[in-house]
Amino acid sequence: MSKSALLTDQALDLVARRFAVLAEPMRLRLLQALFAGERNVSDLVTATEGTQANISRHLQTLTAAHVLSRRKEGLQVFYKISDPTIPKLCELMCGSLEKQLAKQASHFGRS
């Protein structure tokens, strides 16, 4: 979204829906687990310490939103991040929060 271009209401709705998909801690844990590359469902359950049913539901949501892609190999399903902007977005947000928290901590004499 460039500073000079105003988005239509329809485009803003799409942006809001994308952020809503990402506004869930378990989905962010799944994305973090996938930053290193493709993983199967069992690995993701172990990495996130979630239940199989809960992880599957979140993976389905992320796939439907085109954040993840999946492939099947035998009985296993593998997921990977399909939108290359997602790791960049996470890095940007985490860096911003880190600076904000450091600034807040400095107000209490801690850094």
C-alpha atoms as a PDB file:
ATOM      1  CA  MET A   1       0.000   0.000   0.000  1.00  0.00           C
ATOM      2  CA  SER A   2       1.724   3.155  -1.153  1.00  0.00           C
ATOM      3  CA  LYS A   3       1.268   6.429   0.691  1.00  0.00           C
ATOM      4  CA  SER A   4      -0.039   8.188  -2.403  1.00  0.00           C
ATOM      5  CA  ALA A   5      -2.645   5.624  -3.478  1.00  0.00           C
ATOM      6  CA  LEU A   6      -5.923   5.422  -1.614  1.00  0.00           C
ATOM      7  CA  LEU A   7      -7.447   1.982  -1.571  1.00  0.00           C
ATOM      8  CA  THR A   8     -11.028   1.264  -2.434  1.00  0.00           C
ATOM      9  CA  ASP A   9     -13.374  -0.024   0.241  1.00  0.00           C
ATOM     10  CA  GLN A  10     -13.167  -3.460  -1.359  1.00  0.00           C
ATOM     11  CA  ALA A  11      -9.357  -3.434  -1.226  1.00  0.00           C
ATOM     12  CA  LEU A  12      -9.390  -2.262   2.397  1.00  0.00           C
ATOM     13  CA  ASP A  13     -11.730  -5.139   3.224  1.00  0.00           C
ATOM     14  CA  LEU A  14      -9.237  -7.591   1.694  1.00  0.00           C
ATOM     15  CA  VAL A  15      -6.384  -6.089   3.715  1.00  0.00           C
ATOM     16  CA  ALA A  16      -8.441  -6.256   6.912  1.00  0.00           C
ATOM     17  CA  ARG A  17      -9.282  -9.915   6.274  1.00  0.00           C
ATOM     18  CA  ARG A  18      -5.597 -10.745   5.778  1.00  0.00           C
ATOM     19  CA  PHE A  19      -4.691  -9.099   9.081  1.00  0.00           C
ATOM     20  CA  ALA A  20      -7.597 -10.914  10.783  1.00  0.00           C
ATOM     21  CA  VAL A  21      -6.188 -14.252   9.594  1.00  0.00           C
ATOM     22  CA  LEU A  22      -2.833 -13.323  11.136  1.00  0.00           C
ATOM     23  CA  ALA A  23      -4.352 -12.018  14.387  1.00  0.00           C
ATOM     24  CA  GLU A  24      -4.283 -15.396  16.115  1.00  0.00           C
ATOM     25  CA  PRO A  25      -1.313 -16.490  18.274  1.00  0.00           C
ATOM     26  CA  MET A  26      -1.403 -20.151  17.204  1.00  0.00           C
ATOM     27  CA  ARG A  27      -1.357 -19.167  13.531  1.00  0.00           C
ATOM     28  CA  LEU A  28       1.671 -16.982  14.219  1.00  0.00           C
ATOM     29  CA  ARG A  29       3.341 -19.936  15.982  1.00  0.00           C
ATOM     30  CA  LEU A  30       2.683 -22.062  12.910  1.00  0.00           C
ATOM     31  CA  LEU A  31       4.151 -19.420  10.625  1.00  0.00           C
ATOM     32  CA  GLN A  32       7.197 -19.121  12.873  1.00  0.00           C
ATOM     33  CA  ALA A  33       7.643 -22.895  12.719  1.00  0.00           C
ATOM     34  CA  LEU A  34       7.491 -22.697   8.910  1.00  0.00           C
ATOM     35  CA  PHE A  35      10.059 -19.898   8.517  1.00  0.00           C
ATOM     36  CA  ALA A  36      12.815 -22.514   8.145  1.00  0.00           C
ATOM     37  CA  GLY A  37      10.891 -24.319   5.402  1.00  0.00           C
ATOM     38  CA  GLU A  38       8.310 -26.948   4.677  1.00  0.00           C
ATOM     39  CA  ARG A  39       7.083 -29.196   7.502  1.00  0.00           C
ATOM     40  CA  ASN A  40       4.517 -31.924   7.889  1.00  0.00           C
ATOM     41  CA  VAL A  41       1.531 -31.731  10.205  1.00  0.00           C
ATOM     42  CA  SER A  42       3.093 -33.981  12.870  1.00  0.00           C
ATOM     43  CA  ASP A  43       6.177 -31.753  13.031  1.00  0.00           C
ATOM     44  CA  LEU A  44       3.957 -28.672  13.360  1.00  0.00           C
ATOM     45  CA  VAL A  45       1.945 -30.252  16.182  1.00  0.00           C
ATOM     46  CA  THR A  46       5.194 -30.980  18.032  1.00  0.00           C
ATOM     47  CA  ALA A  47       6.715 -27.565  17.318  1.00  0.00           C
ATOM     48  CA  THR A  48       3.659 -25.611  18.467  1.00  0.00           C
ATOM     49  CA  GLU A  49       2.546 -27.969  21.248  1.00  0.00           C
ATOM     50  CA  GLY A  50      -0.997 -27.785  19.922  1.00  0.00           C
ATOM     51  CA  THR A  51      -3.497 -30.549  19.369  1.00  0.00           C
ATOM     52  CA  GLN A  52      -3.804 -32.229  15.982  1.00  0.00           C
ATOM     53  CA  ALA A  53      -7.386 -30.970  15.546  1.00  0.00           C
ATOM     54  CA  ASN A  54      -6.543 -27.376  16.502  1.00  0.00           C
ATOM     55  CA  ILE A  55      -3.443 -27.268  14.297  1.00  0.00           C
ATOM     56  CA  SER A  56      -5.354 -28.728  11.344  1.00  0.00           C
ATOM     57  CA  ARG A  57      -8.073 -26.087  11.705  1.00  0.00           C
ATOM     58  CA  HIS A  58      -5.526 -23.246  11.729  1.00  0.00           C
ATOM     59  CA  LEU A  59      -3.602 -24.736   8.803  1.00  0.00           C
ATOM     60  CA  GLN A  60      -6.850 -24.898   6.844  1.00  0.00           C
ATOM     61  CA  THR A  61      -7.548 -21.213   7.580  1.00  0.00           C
ATOM     62  CA  LEU A  62      -4.038 -20.147   6.563  1.00  0.00           C
ATOM     63  CA  THR A  63      -4.234 -22.224   3.381  1.00  0.00           C
ATOM     64  CA  ALA A  64      -7.666 -20.837   2.445  1.00  0.00           C
ATOM     65  CA  ALA A  65      -6.222 -17.323   2.867  1.00  0.00           C
ATOM     66  CA  HIS A  66      -3.335 -18.234   0.484  1.00  0.00           C
ATOM     67  CA  VAL A  67      -0.775 -17.660   3.230  1.00  0.00           C
ATOM     68  CA  LEU A  68       0.272 -21.325   3.121  1.00  0.00           C
ATOM     69  CA  SER A  69       0.352 -23.968   0.437  1.00  0.00           C
ATOM     70  CA  ARG A  70       0.157 -27.685   0.985  1.00  0.00           C
ATOM     71  CA  ARG A  71       1.210 -30.834  -0.763  1.00  0.00           C
ATOM     72  CA  LYS A  72       0.424 -34.432  -0.036  1.00  0.00           C
ATOM     73  CA  GLU A  73       3.028 -37.186  -0.072  1.00  0.00           C
ATOM     74  CA  GLY A  74       1.538 -40.560   0.708  1.00  0.00           C
ATOM     75  CA  LEU A  75      -0.386 -40.185   3.943  1.00  0.00           C
ATOM     76  CA  GLN A  76       1.484 -37.070   5.030  1.00  0.00           C
ATOM     77  CA  VAL A  77       0.570 -33.466   4.284  1.00  0.00           C
ATOM     78  CA  PHE A  78       3.332 -30.861   4.102  1.00  0.00           C
ATOM     79  CA  TYR A  79       2.846 -27.116   4.482  1.00  0.00           C
ATOM     80  CA  LYS A  80       4.992 -24.160   3.528  1.00  0.00           C
ATOM     81  CA  ILE A  81       4.604 -20.396   3.445  1.00  0.00           C
ATOM     82  CA  SER A  82       3.363 -19.478  -0.013  1.00  0.00           C
ATOM     83  CA  ASP A  83       3.254 -15.702   0.410  1.00  0.00           C
ATOM     84  CA  PRO A  84       6.834 -14.371   0.495  1.00  0.00           C
ATOM     85  CA  THR A  85       5.687 -11.141   2.154  1.00  0.00           C
ATOM     86  CA  ILE A  86       4.663 -12.955   5.352  1.00  0.00           C
ATOM     87  CA  PRO A  87       8.188 -13.411   6.810  1.00  0.00           C
ATOM     88  CA  LYS A  88       8.987  -9.797   5.879  1.00  0.00           C
ATOM     89  CA  LEU A  89       5.797  -8.586   7.567  1.00  0.00           C
ATOM     90  CA  CYS A  90       6.586 -10.587  10.712  1.00  0.00           C
ATOM     91  CA  GLU A  91      10.154  -9.258  10.795  1.00  0.00           C
ATOM     92  CA  LEU A  92       8.921  -5.694  10.387  1.00  0.00           C
ATOM     93  CA  MET A  93       6.313  -6.062  13.135  1.00  0.00           C
ATOM     94  CA  CYS A  94       8.665  -7.819  15.564  1.00  0.00           C
ATOM     95  CA  GLY A  95      11.352  -5.174  15.001  1.00  0.00           C
ATOM     96  CA  SER A  96       8.851  -2.401  15.631  1.00  0.00           C
ATOM     97  CA  LEU A  97       7.597  -4.048  18.837  1.00  0.00           C
ATOM     98  CA  GLU A  98      11.139  -4.668  20.033  1.00  0.00           C
ATOM     99  CA  LYS A  99      11.974  -0.956  19.656  1.00  0.00           C
ATOM    100  CA  GLN A 100       8.737   0.060  21.366  1.00  0.00           C
ATOM    101  CA  LEU A 101       9.333  -2.281  24.320  1.00  0.00           C
ATOM    102  CA  ALA A 102      12.945  -1.128  24.658  1.00  0.00           C
ATOM    103  CA  LYS A 103      11.752   2.467  24.757  1.00  0.00           C
ATOM    104  CA  GLN A 104       9.136   1.643  27.397  1.00  0.00           C
ATOM    105  CA  ALA A 105      11.709  -0.234  29.469  1.00  0.00           C
ATOM    106  CA  SER A 106      14.035   2.770  29.348  1.00  0.00           C
ATOM    107  CA  HIS A 107      11.331   4.830  31.075  1.00  0.00           C
ATOM    108  CA  PHE A 108      11.749   2.501  34.063  1.00  0.00           C
ATOM    109  CA  GLY A 109      15.536   2.784  34.075  1.00  0.00           C
ATOM    110  CA  ARG A 110      15.966  -0.560  32.300  1.00  0.00           C
ATOM    111  CA  SER A 111      17.346  -1.128  28.829  1.00  0.00           C
END
